[in-house]
C-alpha atoms as a PDB file:
ATOM      1  CA  MET A   1     -29.294   8.437 -20.216  1.00  0.00           C
ATOM      2  CA  LYS A   2     -30.857  11.861 -20.667  1.00  0.00           C
ATOM      3  CA  SER A   3     -31.703  12.087 -16.957  1.00  0.00           C
ATOM      4  CA  ILE A   4     -28.034  12.250 -15.951  1.00  0.00           C
ATOM      5  CA  ASN A   5     -26.264  15.598 -15.902  1.00  0.00           C
ATOM      6  CA  TRP A   6     -22.708  14.477 -16.574  1.00  0.00           C
ATOM      7  CA  GLU A   7     -21.338  17.960 -16.000  1.00  0.00           C
ATOM      8  CA  GLN A   8     -22.672  17.788 -12.446  1.00  0.00           C
ATOM      9  CA  VAL A   9     -21.174  14.307 -12.082  1.00  0.00           C
ATOM     10  CA  LYS A  10     -17.820  15.669 -13.214  1.00  0.00           C
ATOM     11  CA  LYS A  11     -18.092  18.439 -10.646  1.00  0.00           C
ATOM     12  CA  VAL A  12     -18.581  15.839  -7.913  1.00  0.00           C
ATOM     13  CA  GLN A  13     -15.666  13.848  -9.339  1.00  0.00           C
ATOM     14  CA  LYS A  14     -13.373  16.850  -9.053  1.00  0.00           C
ATOM     15  CA  GLU A  15     -14.472  17.557  -5.483  1.00  0.00           C
ATOM     16  CA  LEU A  16     -13.748  13.953  -4.533  1.00  0.00           C
ATOM     17  CA  ASN A  17     -10.630  13.642  -6.687  1.00  0.00           C
ATOM     18  CA  PHE A  18     -12.266  10.400  -7.781  1.00  0.00           C
ATOM     19  CA  SER A  19     -10.242   8.024  -9.953  1.00  0.00           C
ATOM     20  CA  GLY A  20     -12.067   5.289 -11.822  1.00  0.00           C
ATOM     21  CA  VAL A  21     -14.844   4.540 -14.285  1.00  0.00           C
ATOM     22  CA  VAL A  22     -18.604   5.040 -14.041  1.00  0.00           C
ATOM     23  CA  TYR A  23     -21.191   3.028 -16.018  1.00  0.00           C
ATOM     24  CA  ALA A  24     -24.931   3.674 -16.262  1.00  0.00           C
ATOM     25  CA  ALA A  25     -27.382   1.758 -18.457  1.00  0.00           C
ATOM     26  CA  GLN A  26     -31.154   1.678 -18.930  1.00  0.00           C
ATOM     27  CA  ASP A  27     -33.554   1.004 -21.812  1.00  0.00           C
ATOM     28  CA  GLU A  28     -30.844   0.085 -24.335  1.00  0.00           C
ATOM     29  CA  GLU A  29     -28.960   3.284 -23.476  1.00  0.00           C
ATOM     30  CA  MET A  30     -25.525   3.159 -21.904  1.00  0.00           C
ATOM     31  CA  GLN A  31     -22.991   5.756 -20.796  1.00  0.00           C
ATOM     32  CA  VAL A  32     -19.438   5.254 -19.564  1.00  0.00           C
ATOM     33  CA  LYS A  33     -17.245   7.999 -18.123  1.00  0.00           C
ATOM     34  CA  SER A  34     -13.641   7.604 -16.991  1.00  0.00           C
ATOM     35  CA  TYR A  35     -11.520   9.744 -14.679  1.00  0.00           C
ATOM     36  CA  GLY A  36      -8.023   9.772 -13.227  1.00  0.00           C
ATOM     37  CA  TYR A  37      -5.034   7.541 -13.777  1.00  0.00           C
ATOM     38  CA  ALA A  38      -4.712   3.779 -14.040  1.00  0.00           C
ATOM     39  CA  ASN A  39      -0.978   4.282 -13.532  1.00  0.00           C
ATOM     40  CA  ARG A  40       0.037   7.525 -11.817  1.00  0.00           C
ATOM     41  CA  ALA A  41       3.768   7.186 -12.390  1.00  0.00           C
ATOM     42  CA  GLU A  42       3.271   6.781 -16.135  1.00  0.00           C
ATOM     43  CA  GLU A  43       0.235   9.097 -16.205  1.00  0.00           C
ATOM     44  CA  THR A  44      -1.762   6.411 -18.012  1.00  0.00           C
ATOM     45  CA  GLU A  45      -5.410   7.432 -17.893  1.00  0.00           C
ATOM     46  CA  ASN A  46      -8.328   5.239 -16.953  1.00  0.00           C
ATOM     47  CA  HIS A  47     -10.562   4.328 -19.901  1.00  0.00           C
ATOM     48  CA  ASP A  48     -13.931   2.656 -20.333  1.00  0.00           C
ATOM     49  CA  ASP A  49     -12.192  -0.704 -20.871  1.00  0.00           C
ATOM     50  CA  THR A  50      -9.761  -0.439 -17.943  1.00  0.00           C
ATOM     51  CA  LYS A  51      -9.802  -3.451 -15.639  1.00  0.00           C
ATOM     52  CA  PHE A  52     -10.322  -2.824 -11.909  1.00  0.00           C
ATOM     53  CA  ALA A  53     -10.171  -5.014  -8.823  1.00  0.00           C
ATOM     54  CA  ILE A  54     -13.564  -5.005  -7.054  1.00  0.00           C
ATOM     55  CA  ALA A  55     -12.744  -6.636  -3.696  1.00  0.00           C
ATOM     56  CA  SER A  56     -15.883  -8.208  -2.148  1.00  0.00           C
ATOM     57  CA  GLY A  57     -17.900  -7.314  -5.222  1.00  0.00           C
ATOM     58  CA  ALA A  58     -16.565 -10.662  -6.470  1.00  0.00           C
ATOM     59  CA  LYS A  59     -18.661 -12.652  -3.972  1.00  0.00           C
ATOM     60  CA  ILE A  60     -21.562 -12.646  -6.442  1.00  0.00           C
ATOM     61  CA  PHE A  61     -19.579 -14.906  -8.795  1.00  0.00           C
ATOM     62  CA  THR A  62     -19.016 -17.421  -6.006  1.00  0.00           C
ATOM     63  CA  SER A  63     -22.727 -17.310  -5.174  1.00  0.00           C
ATOM     64  CA  VAL A  64     -23.761 -17.859  -8.801  1.00  0.00           C
ATOM     65  CA  ALA A  65     -21.355 -20.784  -9.077  1.00  0.00           C
ATOM     66  CA  ILE A  66     -22.819 -22.407  -5.953  1.00  0.00           C
ATOM     67  CA  CYS A  67     -26.359 -21.911  -7.282  1.00  0.00           C
ATOM     68  CA  LYS A  68     -25.287 -23.461 -10.580  1.00  0.00           C
ATOM     69  CA  LEU A  69     -24.008 -26.550  -8.768  1.00  0.00           C
ATOM     70  CA  VAL A  70     -27.274 -26.779  -6.788  1.00  0.00           C
ATOM     71  CA  GLN A  71     -29.188 -26.450 -10.061  1.00  0.00           C
ATOM     72  CA  GLU A  72     -27.149 -29.370 -11.428  1.00  0.00           C
ATOM     73  CA  ASP A  73     -27.968 -31.453  -8.310  1.00  0.00           C
ATOM     74  CA  LYS A  74     -24.301 -31.713  -7.376  1.00  0.00           C
ATOM     75  CA  ILE A  75     -24.895 -30.138  -3.961  1.00  0.00           C
ATOM     76  CA  ALA A  76     -27.867 -28.690  -2.075  1.00  0.00           C
ATOM     77  CA  PHE A  77     -28.289 -25.516  -0.044  1.00  0.00           C
ATOM     78  CA  ASP A  78     -28.725 -27.707   3.023  1.00  0.00           C
ATOM     79  CA  SER A  79     -25.633 -29.814   2.278  1.00  0.00           C
ATOM     80  CA  LYS A  80     -23.352 -29.870   5.303  1.00  0.00           C
ATOM     81  CA  LEU A  81     -19.851 -28.512   4.936  1.00  0.00           C
ATOM     82  CA  THR A  82     -18.360 -31.558   6.671  1.00  0.00           C
ATOM     83  CA  ASP A  83     -20.021 -33.849   4.102  1.00  0.00           C
ATOM     84  CA  ILE A  84     -18.284 -32.038   1.232  1.00  0.00           C
ATOM     85  CA  LEU A  85     -14.843 -30.942   2.418  1.00  0.00           C
ATOM     86  CA  LYS A  86     -12.246 -33.460   3.559  1.00  0.00           C
ATOM     87  CA  ILE A  87      -9.945 -30.950   5.249  1.00  0.00           C
ATOM     88  CA  PRO A  88      -9.941 -30.900   9.069  1.00  0.00           C
ATOM     89  CA  LEU A  89     -11.746 -27.969  10.667  1.00  0.00           C
ATOM     90  CA  PRO A  90     -11.580 -29.204  14.261  1.00  0.00           C
ATOM     91  CA  ASN A  91     -13.417 -26.341  15.982  1.00  0.00           C
ATOM     92  CA  PHE A  92     -16.182 -25.798  13.420  1.00  0.00           C
ATOM     93  CA  ASP A  93     -19.764 -26.812  14.116  1.00  0.00           C
ATOM     94  CA  LYS A  94     -20.739 -29.961  12.203  1.00  0.00           C
ATOM     95  CA  ASN A  95     -24.130 -28.450  11.277  1.00  0.00           C
ATOM     96  CA  ILE A  96     -22.807 -25.655   9.048  1.00  0.00           C
ATOM     97  CA  THR A  97     -24.482 -25.815   5.647  1.00  0.00           C
ATOM     98  CA  VAL A  98     -23.962 -24.168   2.272  1.00  0.00           C
ATOM     99  CA  HIS A  99     -26.932 -21.935   3.089  1.00  0.00           C
ATOM    100  CA  HIS A 100     -25.254 -20.673   6.262  1.00  0.00           C
ATOM    101  CA  LEU A 101     -22.055 -19.840   4.390  1.00  0.00           C
ATOM    102  CA  LEU A 102     -23.922 -17.995   1.616  1.00  0.00           C
ATOM    103  CA  THR A 103     -25.935 -15.899   4.063  1.00  0.00           C
ATOM    104  CA  HIS A 104     -23.151 -15.075   6.560  1.00  0.00           C
ATOM    105  CA  THR A 105     -24.933 -16.958   9.337  1.00  0.00           C
ATOM    106  CA  SER A 106     -22.427 -19.799   9.807  1.00  0.00           C
ATOM    107  CA  GLY A 107     -20.670 -18.450  12.900  1.00  0.00           C
ATOM    108  CA  VAL A 108     -17.245 -19.426  11.535  1.00  0.00           C
ATOM    109  CA  PRO A 109     -14.305 -17.183  12.459  1.00  0.00           C
ATOM    110  CA  ASP A 110     -13.760 -14.417   9.918  1.00  0.00           C
ATOM    111  CA  TYR A 111     -10.113 -14.278   8.897  1.00  0.00           C
ATOM    112  CA  PHE A 112     -10.530 -10.512   8.520  1.00  0.00           C
ATOM    113  CA  ASN A 113     -12.984  -9.300  11.148  1.00  0.00           C
ATOM    114  CA  GLU A 114     -13.615  -5.650  10.350  1.00  0.00           C
ATOM    115  CA  ASP A 115     -15.024  -5.061  13.845  1.00  0.00           C
ATOM    116  CA  GLU A 116     -11.638  -5.946  15.327  1.00  0.00           C
ATOM    117  CA  MET A 117      -9.181  -5.026  12.560  1.00  0.00           C
ATOM    118  CA  ASP A 118      -8.844  -2.051  10.250  1.00  0.00           C
ATOM    119  CA  ASP A 119      -5.508  -2.848   8.606  1.00  0.00           C
ATOM    120  CA  PHE A 120      -5.890  -5.498   5.907  1.00  0.00           C
ATOM    121  CA  GLU A 121      -2.136  -5.378   5.261  1.00  0.00           C
ATOM    122  CA  ALA A 122      -1.443  -6.695   8.776  1.00  0.00           C
ATOM    123  CA  LEU A 123      -2.852 -10.095   7.779  1.00  0.00           C
ATOM    124  CA  TRP A 124       0.101 -10.798   5.533  1.00  0.00           C
ATOM    125  CA  GLU A 125       2.704 -10.519   8.282  1.00  0.00           C
ATOM    126  CA  SER A 126       2.010 -14.095   9.394  1.00  0.00           C
ATOM    127  CA  VAL A 127       0.946 -15.445   5.998  1.00  0.00           C
ATOM    128  CA  PRO A 128       2.932 -13.674   3.240  1.00  0.00           C
ATOM    129  CA  MET A 129       0.559 -12.312   0.588  1.00  0.00           C
ATOM    130  CA  TYR A 130       2.695 -13.637  -2.276  1.00  0.00           C
ATOM    131  CA  ARG A 131       1.885 -17.187  -1.128  1.00  0.00           C
ATOM    132  CA  VAL A 132      -1.895 -16.648  -1.199  1.00  0.00           C
ATOM    133  CA  ARG A 133      -3.013 -17.665  -4.687  1.00  0.00           C
ATOM    134  CA  LYS A 134      -5.656 -20.367  -4.082  1.00  0.00           C
ATOM    135  CA  PRO A 135      -8.540 -20.786  -1.615  1.00  0.00           C
ATOM    136  CA  ILE A 136      -6.624 -23.378   0.395  1.00  0.00           C
ATOM    137  CA  ASP A 137      -3.820 -20.845   0.973  1.00  0.00           C
ATOM    138  CA  PHE A 138      -6.151 -18.938   3.336  1.00  0.00           C
ATOM    139  CA  LEU A 139      -6.478 -21.923   5.698  1.00  0.00           C
ATOM    140  CA  PRO A 140      -3.720 -20.885   8.149  1.00  0.00           C
ATOM    141  CA  LEU A 141      -5.737 -17.728   8.879  1.00  0.00           C
ATOM    142  CA  PHE A 142      -8.772 -19.594  10.277  1.00  0.00           C
ATOM    143  CA  GLN A 143      -8.465 -23.383  10.229  1.00  0.00           C
ATOM    144  CA  HIS A 144      -7.886 -23.857  13.974  1.00  0.00           C
ATOM    145  CA  GLU A 145      -9.829 -20.846  15.246  1.00  0.00           C
ATOM    146  CA  ALA A 146     -12.944 -21.196  17.390  1.00  0.00           C
ATOM    147  CA  MET A 147     -16.475 -20.452  16.240  1.00  0.00           C
ATOM    148  CA  THR A 148     -17.544 -16.875  16.901  1.00  0.00           C
ATOM    149  CA  GLY A 149     -21.211 -17.699  17.408  1.00  0.00           C
ATOM    150  CA  PRO A 150     -23.865 -20.381  16.984  1.00  0.00           C
ATOM    151  CA  VAL A 151     -24.831 -21.601  13.540  1.00  0.00           C
ATOM    152  CA  GLY A 152     -27.849 -19.898  12.003  1.00  0.00           C
ATOM    153  CA  LEU A 153     -28.255 -17.086  14.502  1.00  0.00           C
ATOM    154  CA  ASP A 154     -27.742 -13.574  13.113  1.00  0.00           C
ATOM    155  CA  PHE A 155     -26.202 -12.096   9.979  1.00  0.00           C
ATOM    156  CA  ALA A 156     -22.511 -11.320  10.540  1.00  0.00           C
ATOM    157  CA  TYR A 157     -20.526 -10.465   7.421  1.00  0.00           C
ATOM    158  CA  ASN A 158     -17.896 -13.136   6.965  1.00  0.00           C
ATOM    159  CA  ASN A 159     -15.115 -13.581   4.401  1.00  0.00           C
ATOM    160  CA  THR A 160     -14.092 -17.025   5.635  1.00  0.00           C
ATOM    161  CA  GLY A 161     -17.496 -18.395   4.675  1.00  0.00           C
ATOM    162  CA  TYR A 162     -16.863 -17.515   1.055  1.00  0.00           C
ATOM    163  CA  ILE A 163     -13.359 -18.992   1.085  1.00  0.00           C
ATOM    164  CA  LEU A 164     -15.014 -22.220   2.236  1.00  0.00           C
ATOM    165  CA  LEU A 165     -17.596 -21.951  -0.555  1.00  0.00           C
ATOM    166  CA  GLY A 166     -14.739 -21.655  -3.041  1.00  0.00           C
ATOM    167  CA  MET A 167     -13.237 -24.821  -1.593  1.00  0.00           C
ATOM    168  CA  VAL A 168     -16.633 -26.498  -1.969  1.00  0.00           C
ATOM    169  CA  ILE A 169     -16.681 -25.492  -5.650  1.00  0.00           C
ATOM    170  CA  GLU A 170     -13.211 -26.954  -6.144  1.00  0.00           C
ATOM    171  CA  GLU A 171     -14.101 -30.192  -4.341  1.00  0.00           C
ATOM    172  CA  VAL A 172     -17.314 -30.718  -6.314  1.00  0.00           C
ATOM    173  CA  THR A 173     -16.041 -29.704  -9.757  1.00  0.00           C
ATOM    174  CA  ARG A 174     -12.449 -30.932  -9.401  1.00  0.00           C
ATOM    175  CA  GLU A 175     -11.400 -27.650 -10.990  1.00  0.00           C
ATOM    176  CA  ASN A 176      -9.390 -24.682  -9.779  1.00  0.00           C
ATOM    177  CA  PHE A 177     -11.825 -22.098  -8.415  1.00  0.00           C
ATOM    178  CA  ALA A 178     -10.720 -19.212 -10.662  1.00  0.00           C
ATOM    179  CA  ASP A 179     -10.669 -21.428 -13.750  1.00  0.00           C
ATOM    180  CA  TYR A 180     -14.185 -22.639 -13.005  1.00  0.00           C
ATOM    181  CA  ILE A 181     -15.599 -19.118 -12.651  1.00  0.00           C
ATOM    182  CA  GLU A 182     -13.861 -17.840 -15.763  1.00  0.00           C
ATOM    183  CA  SER A 183     -14.893 -20.767 -17.973  1.00  0.00           C
ATOM    184  CA  ASN A 184     -18.404 -21.450 -16.632  1.00  0.00           C
ATOM    185  CA  ILE A 185     -19.702 -17.976 -15.733  1.00  0.00           C
ATOM    186  CA  MET A 186     -17.655 -15.276 -17.424  1.00  0.00           C
ATOM    187  CA  ALA A 187     -16.786 -16.802 -20.813  1.00  0.00           C
ATOM    188  CA  PRO A 188     -20.302 -18.043 -21.756  1.00  0.00           C
ATOM    189  CA  ILE A 189     -21.816 -14.548 -21.418  1.00  0.00           C
ATOM    190  CA  GLY A 190     -18.943 -12.636 -23.005  1.00  0.00           C
ATOM    191  CA  MET A 191     -17.105 -11.185 -20.005  1.00  0.00           C
ATOM    192  CA  THR A 192     -13.915 -11.246 -22.040  1.00  0.00           C
ATOM    193  CA  ASP A 193     -12.047  -8.504 -20.158  1.00  0.00           C
ATOM    194  CA  SER A 194     -12.419  -9.896 -16.640  1.00  0.00           C
ATOM    195  CA  GLY A 195     -10.652 -12.533 -14.587  1.00  0.00           C
ATOM    196  CA  TYR A 196      -8.759 -13.567 -11.478  1.00  0.00           C
ATOM    197  CA  TYR A 197      -5.341 -12.113 -12.241  1.00  0.00           C
ATOM    198  CA  GLU A 198      -2.172 -12.465 -10.209  1.00  0.00           C
ATOM    199  CA  VAL A 199      -0.779  -9.119  -9.072  1.00  0.00           C
ATOM    200  CA  ASP A 200       2.687 -10.014 -10.331  1.00  0.00           C
ATOM    201  CA  GLN A 201       1.266 -10.952 -13.756  1.00  0.00           C
ATOM    202  CA  LEU A 202      -1.370  -8.299 -14.421  1.00  0.00           C
ATOM    203  CA  PRO A 203      -2.487  -8.012 -18.044  1.00  0.00           C
ATOM    204  CA  GLY A 204      -2.426  -4.759 -19.957  1.00  0.00           C
ATOM    205  CA  ASN A 205      -5.085  -2.142 -19.374  1.00  0.00           C
ATOM    206  CA  THR A 206      -5.333  -2.911 -15.655  1.00  0.00           C
ATOM    207  CA  ALA A 207      -5.524  -0.134 -13.075  1.00  0.00           C
ATOM    208  CA  LEU A 208      -3.092  -0.196 -10.188  1.00  0.00           C
ATOM    209  CA  GLY A 209      -4.688   0.422  -6.798  1.00  0.00           C
ATOM    210  CA  TYR A 210      -3.462   3.446  -4.828  1.00  0.00           C
ATOM    211  CA  ILE A 211      -3.290   4.089  -1.100  1.00  0.00           C
ATOM    212  CA  ASP A 212      -3.138   7.832  -0.362  1.00  0.00           C
ATOM    213  CA  PHE A 213      -1.635   9.427   2.750  1.00  0.00           C
ATOM    214  CA  PRO A 214      -2.577  12.725   4.451  1.00  0.00           C
ATOM    215  CA  ASP A 215       0.695  14.380   3.411  1.00  0.00           C
ATOM    216  CA  GLY A 216      -0.087  13.852  -0.283  1.00  0.00           C
ATOM    217  CA  SER A 217       2.223  10.887  -0.783  1.00  0.00           C
ATOM    218  CA  TRP A 218       0.957   7.502  -1.966  1.00  0.00           C
ATOM    219  CA  LYS A 219       1.882   3.919  -2.655  1.00  0.00           C
ATOM    220  CA  THR A 220       0.352   1.094  -4.702  1.00  0.00           C
ATOM    221  CA  ASN A 221      -1.511  -1.737  -2.987  1.00  0.00           C
ATOM    222  CA  LEU A 222       0.828  -4.403  -4.388  1.00  0.00           C
ATOM    223  CA  PHE A 223       1.753  -5.754  -0.926  1.00  0.00           C
ATOM    224  CA  ALA A 224      -1.632  -5.100   0.699  1.00  0.00           C
ATOM    225  CA  LEU A 225      -3.722  -7.825  -0.975  1.00  0.00           C
ATOM    226  CA  PRO A 226      -3.429 -11.553  -1.697  1.00  0.00           C
ATOM    227  CA  ALA A 227      -1.335 -12.285  -4.779  1.00  0.00           C
ATOM    228  CA  LYS A 228      -4.476 -13.587  -6.474  1.00  0.00           C
ATOM    229  CA  GLY A 229      -8.112 -12.918  -5.712  1.00  0.00           C
ATOM    230  CA  GLY A 230     -10.410 -15.725  -4.697  1.00  0.00           C
ATOM    231  CA  PRO A 231     -13.925 -16.701  -3.620  1.00  0.00           C
ATOM    232  CA  ASP A 232     -14.376 -13.815  -1.184  1.00  0.00           C
ATOM    233  CA  GLY A 233     -12.987 -11.060  -3.409  1.00  0.00           C
ATOM    234  CA  GLY A 234     -10.288  -9.833  -5.736  1.00  0.00           C
ATOM    235  CA  VAL A 235     -11.565 -10.420  -9.258  1.00  0.00           C
ATOM    236  CA  TYR A 236     -10.716  -7.802 -11.909  1.00  0.00           C
ATOM    237  CA  VAL A 237     -13.489  -6.519 -14.179  1.00  0.00           C
ATOM    238  CA  THR A 238     -14.396  -3.738 -16.554  1.00  0.00           C
ATOM    239  CA  VAL A 239     -17.575  -1.759 -15.945  1.00  0.00           C
ATOM    240  CA  ARG A 240     -18.913  -2.947 -19.300  1.00  0.00           C
ATOM    241  CA  ASP A 241     -18.379  -6.568 -18.303  1.00  0.00           C
ATOM    242  CA  MET A 242     -20.314  -5.981 -15.078  1.00  0.00           C
ATOM    243  CA  GLY A 243     -23.124  -4.533 -17.183  1.00  0.00           C
ATOM    244  CA  ILE A 244     -23.027  -7.721 -19.259  1.00  0.00           C
ATOM    245  CA  PHE A 245     -23.143  -9.785 -16.080  1.00  0.00           C
ATOM    246  CA  TRP A 246     -26.255  -8.071 -14.688  1.00  0.00           C
ATOM    247  CA  ASP A 247     -28.036  -8.349 -18.041  1.00  0.00           C
ATOM    248  CA  ALA A 248     -27.206 -12.052 -18.262  1.00  0.00           C
ATOM    249  CA  LEU A 249     -28.303 -12.697 -14.694  1.00  0.00           C
ATOM    250  CA  GLU A 250     -31.627 -10.922 -15.105  1.00  0.00           C
ATOM    251  CA  ASN A 251     -32.266 -12.659 -18.447  1.00  0.00           C
ATOM    252  CA  SER A 252     -31.649 -16.101 -16.881  1.00  0.00           C
ATOM    253  CA  GLU A 253     -28.605 -16.768 -19.049  1.00  0.00           C
ATOM    254  CA  LEU A 254     -26.535 -17.890 -16.058  1.00  0.00           C
ATOM    255  CA  LEU A 255     -29.172 -19.719 -14.032  1.00  0.00           C
ATOM    256  CA  THR A 256     -32.741 -20.886 -14.606  1.00  0.00           C
ATOM    257  CA  PRO A 257     -35.475 -18.378 -13.698  1.00  0.00           C
ATOM    258  CA  ASP A 258     -36.292 -20.374 -10.554  1.00  0.00           C
ATOM    259  CA  MET A 259     -32.660 -20.503  -9.436  1.00  0.00           C
ATOM    260  CA  THR A 260     -32.164 -16.820 -10.255  1.00  0.00           C
ATOM    261  CA  HIS A 261     -35.091 -16.145  -7.931  1.00  0.00           C
ATOM    262  CA  GLU A 262     -33.386 -18.252  -5.236  1.00  0.00           C
ATOM    263  CA  LEU A 263     -30.191 -16.234  -5.680  1.00  0.00           C
ATOM    264  CA  LEU A 264     -31.930 -12.861  -5.388  1.00  0.00           C
ATOM    265  CA  GLU A 265     -34.491 -13.669  -2.688  1.00  0.00           C
ATOM    266  CA  PRO A 266     -34.205 -11.573   0.523  1.00  0.00           C
ATOM    267  CA  ARG A 267     -33.159 -13.865   3.358  1.00  0.00           C
ATOM    268  CA  GLU A 268     -31.367 -12.211   6.276  1.00  0.00           C
ATOM    269  CA  LEU A 269     -32.249  -8.842   7.788  1.00  0.00           C
ATOM    270  CA  VAL A 270     -29.144  -6.660   7.992  1.00  0.00           C
ATOM    271  CA  ASP A 271     -30.513  -3.277   9.015  1.00  0.00           C
ATOM    272  CA  ASP A 272     -33.892  -1.552   8.595  1.00  0.00           C
ATOM    273  CA  ASP A 273     -34.847  -2.139   4.936  1.00  0.00           C
ATOM    274  CA  ILE A 274     -31.562  -3.806   3.931  1.00  0.00           C
ATOM    275  CA  TYR A 275     -31.487  -7.590   3.545  1.00  0.00           C
ATOM    276  CA  TYR A 276     -28.931 -10.123   2.382  1.00  0.00           C
ATOM    277  CA  GLY A 277     -29.684 -12.976  -0.009  1.00  0.00           C
ATOM    278  CA  TYR A 278     -27.498 -15.582  -1.644  1.00  0.00           C
ATOM    279  CA  GLY A 279     -26.449 -12.920  -4.156  1.00  0.00           C
ATOM    280  CA  GLY A 280     -25.650 -10.030  -1.836  1.00  0.00           C
ATOM    281  CA  TYR A 281     -27.305  -6.996  -0.276  1.00  0.00           C
ATOM    282  CA  MET A 282     -30.656  -5.568  -1.368  1.00  0.00           C
ATOM    283  CA  GLU A 283     -33.062  -2.830  -0.392  1.00  0.00           C
ATOM    284  CA  VAL A 284     -36.579  -4.128   0.235  1.00  0.00           C
ATOM    285  CA  ASN A 285     -39.975  -2.505   0.776  1.00  0.00           C
ATOM    286  CA  GLU A 286     -43.505  -3.859   1.111  1.00  0.00           C
ATOM    287  CA  ALA A 287     -43.702  -4.413  -2.654  1.00  0.00           C
ATOM    288  CA  GLY A 288     -40.499  -6.451  -2.837  1.00  0.00           C
ATOM    289  CA  VAL A 289     -36.887  -5.847  -3.858  1.00  0.00           C
ATOM    290  CA  VAL A 290     -36.231  -2.201  -4.746  1.00  0.00           C
ATOM    291  CA  LYS A 291     -32.600  -2.606  -5.749  1.00  0.00           C
ATOM    292  CA  LEU A 292     -29.732  -5.054  -5.603  1.00  0.00           C
ATOM    293  CA  ILE A 293     -26.550  -3.668  -4.065  1.00  0.00           C
ATOM    294  CA  GLN A 294     -22.931  -4.672  -4.578  1.00  0.00           C
ATOM    295  CA  MET A 295     -19.920  -3.195  -2.795  1.00  0.00           C
ATOM    296  CA  GLY A 296     -16.255  -3.872  -2.331  1.00  0.00           C
ATOM    297  CA  TYR A 297     -13.525  -2.218  -0.261  1.00  0.00           C
ATOM    298  CA  ASP A 298      -9.842  -3.109  -0.062  1.00  0.00           C
ATOM    299  CA  PRO A 299      -6.697  -1.018   0.253  1.00  0.00           C
ATOM    300  CA  GLY A 300      -6.592   0.883  -3.043  1.00  0.00           C
ATOM    301  CA  VAL A 301      -9.932  -0.563  -4.178  1.00  0.00           C
ATOM    302  CA  ASN A 302     -13.428   0.951  -4.047  1.00  0.00           C
ATOM    303  CA  TYR A 303     -16.434  -0.573  -5.843  1.00  0.00           C
ATOM    304  CA  ARG A 304     -20.173   0.060  -5.809  1.00  0.00           C
ATOM    305  CA  ALA A 305     -22.976  -1.135  -8.056  1.00  0.00           C
ATOM    306  CA  VAL A 306     -26.766  -1.195  -8.015  1.00  0.00           C
ATOM    307  CA  TYR A 307     -29.416  -2.820 -10.155  1.00  0.00           C
ATOM    308  CA  TYR A 308     -33.095  -1.791 -10.064  1.00  0.00           C
ATOM    309  CA  PRO A 309     -35.308  -4.725 -11.178  1.00  0.00           C
ATOM    310  CA  GLU A 310     -38.362  -2.511 -11.785  1.00  0.00           C
ATOM    311  CA  THR A 311     -36.666  -0.038 -14.134  1.00  0.00           C
ATOM    312  CA  ALA A 312     -33.678  -2.154 -15.282  1.00  0.00           C
ATOM    313  CA  LEU A 313     -31.339   0.667 -14.265  1.00  0.00           C
ATOM    314  CA  THR A 314     -27.767  -0.502 -13.735  1.00  0.00           C
ATOM    315  CA  ILE A 315     -25.037   1.694 -12.248  1.00  0.00           C
ATOM    316  CA  VAL A 316     -21.481   0.419 -11.773  1.00  0.00           C
ATOM    317  CA  VAL A 317     -18.598   2.417 -10.276  1.00  0.00           C
ATOM    318  CA  CYS A 318     -15.067   0.997 -10.175  1.00  0.00           C
ATOM    319  CA  SER A 319     -12.238   2.929  -8.543  1.00  0.00           C
ATOM    320  CA  ASN A 320      -8.528   2.396  -7.955  1.00  0.00           C
ATOM    321  CA  VAL A 321      -8.463   4.603  -4.855  1.00  0.00           C
ATOM    322  CA  GLU A 322     -10.087   3.907  -1.503  1.00  0.00           C
ATOM    323  CA  ASP A 323     -12.908   6.457  -1.497  1.00  0.00           C
ATOM    324  CA  GLY A 324     -15.508   8.063  -3.717  1.00  0.00           C
ATOM    325  CA  ALA A 325     -17.321   5.206  -5.446  1.00  0.00           C
ATOM    326  CA  TYR A 326     -20.399   5.481  -3.231  1.00  0.00           C
ATOM    327  CA  GLU A 327     -20.649   9.262  -3.647  1.00  0.00           C
ATOM    328  CA  MET A 328     -20.325   9.001  -7.427  1.00  0.00           C
ATOM    329  CA  LEU A 329     -22.962   6.279  -7.568  1.00  0.00           C
ATOM    330  CA  LYS A 330     -25.311   8.214  -5.279  1.00  0.00           C
ATOM    331  CA  GLU A 331     -25.110  11.323  -7.480  1.00  0.00           C
ATOM    332  CA  ILE A 332     -26.154   9.339 -10.554  1.00  0.00           C
ATOM    333  CA  GLU A 333     -28.737   7.337  -8.593  1.00  0.00           C
ATOM    334  CA  ASP A 334     -30.413  10.502  -7.317  1.00  0.00           C
ATOM    335  CA  MET A 335     -30.612  12.007 -10.819  1.00  0.00           C
ATOM    336  CA  ALA A 336     -32.161   8.826 -12.213  1.00  0.00           C
ATOM    337  CA  ALA A 337     -34.659   8.698  -9.324  1.00  0.00           C
ATOM    338  CA  MET A 338     -35.818  12.265 -10.008  1.00  0.00           C
ATOM    339  CA  ALA A 339     -36.368  11.388 -13.678  1.00  0.00           C
ATOM    340  CA  ASN A 340     -38.462   8.356 -12.773  1.00  0.00           C
END
């Protein structure tokens, strides 16, 4: 990656006090740089194989799994939620489909509505986080809530929709959601250092997430997140494994070429030139998709990634603090753009 001035990147890292790992790959070249501590108390440094939580960056795995089940004719994008799930959702519209859930157009109540809430920790006062280890454990947060809008109207980012998709995966496959993703998506392509870990049983080489306060003090995010990640977020990955994932996706190792196209097709306008497809956000111009965009934010978690189909440039930034991933990615992105 001759186009990237890593000394300049390090300068930005110091200004941001960024903690995490940065990955950039293109044309068989790959660079990984690590900064900060995975464990501050023990002063254990982050390394290129450190595992990080990526919050909503995990939604792509749920989307791929759904597309895989459609590819296998086990469900369809227009399958109705009520025809698949047996659990009562008394206030949900009967016309909600898999497509609506994938594209955030279902109108279901979001258990964490970022327009109304800014404290993710507050969720676990009514439903203790240590009890949330499976998709069904999220039900008390939304099961009896009213719809927030009509089905199929406008894009409105929604975590509940992806919890429901995880329940669909479990119903159709008769497998635990996390087990299905790990054995059918991660393992076949060699994502050997990633998984849905429980916070009270984290494996070695895993970064703790840190919440910083204005006075310089901090705490870990142990009590701020569900005990185990699920369909809407919370998987742990290494940057190298995410590089493997994007390569496998683009080379049709996870889905057929036609289904990969379905996954990455622009579908819902979000803002200006930003669209959402089954696989996440993307920037689009008159020629097509410019780049695919992944992001994730949780207390003590900050994740950004981009993939450029035209140049096969992949940039992944994982952080165990709440800020800085976007700025680090943008610095590298701008350097690569100038070189191209």
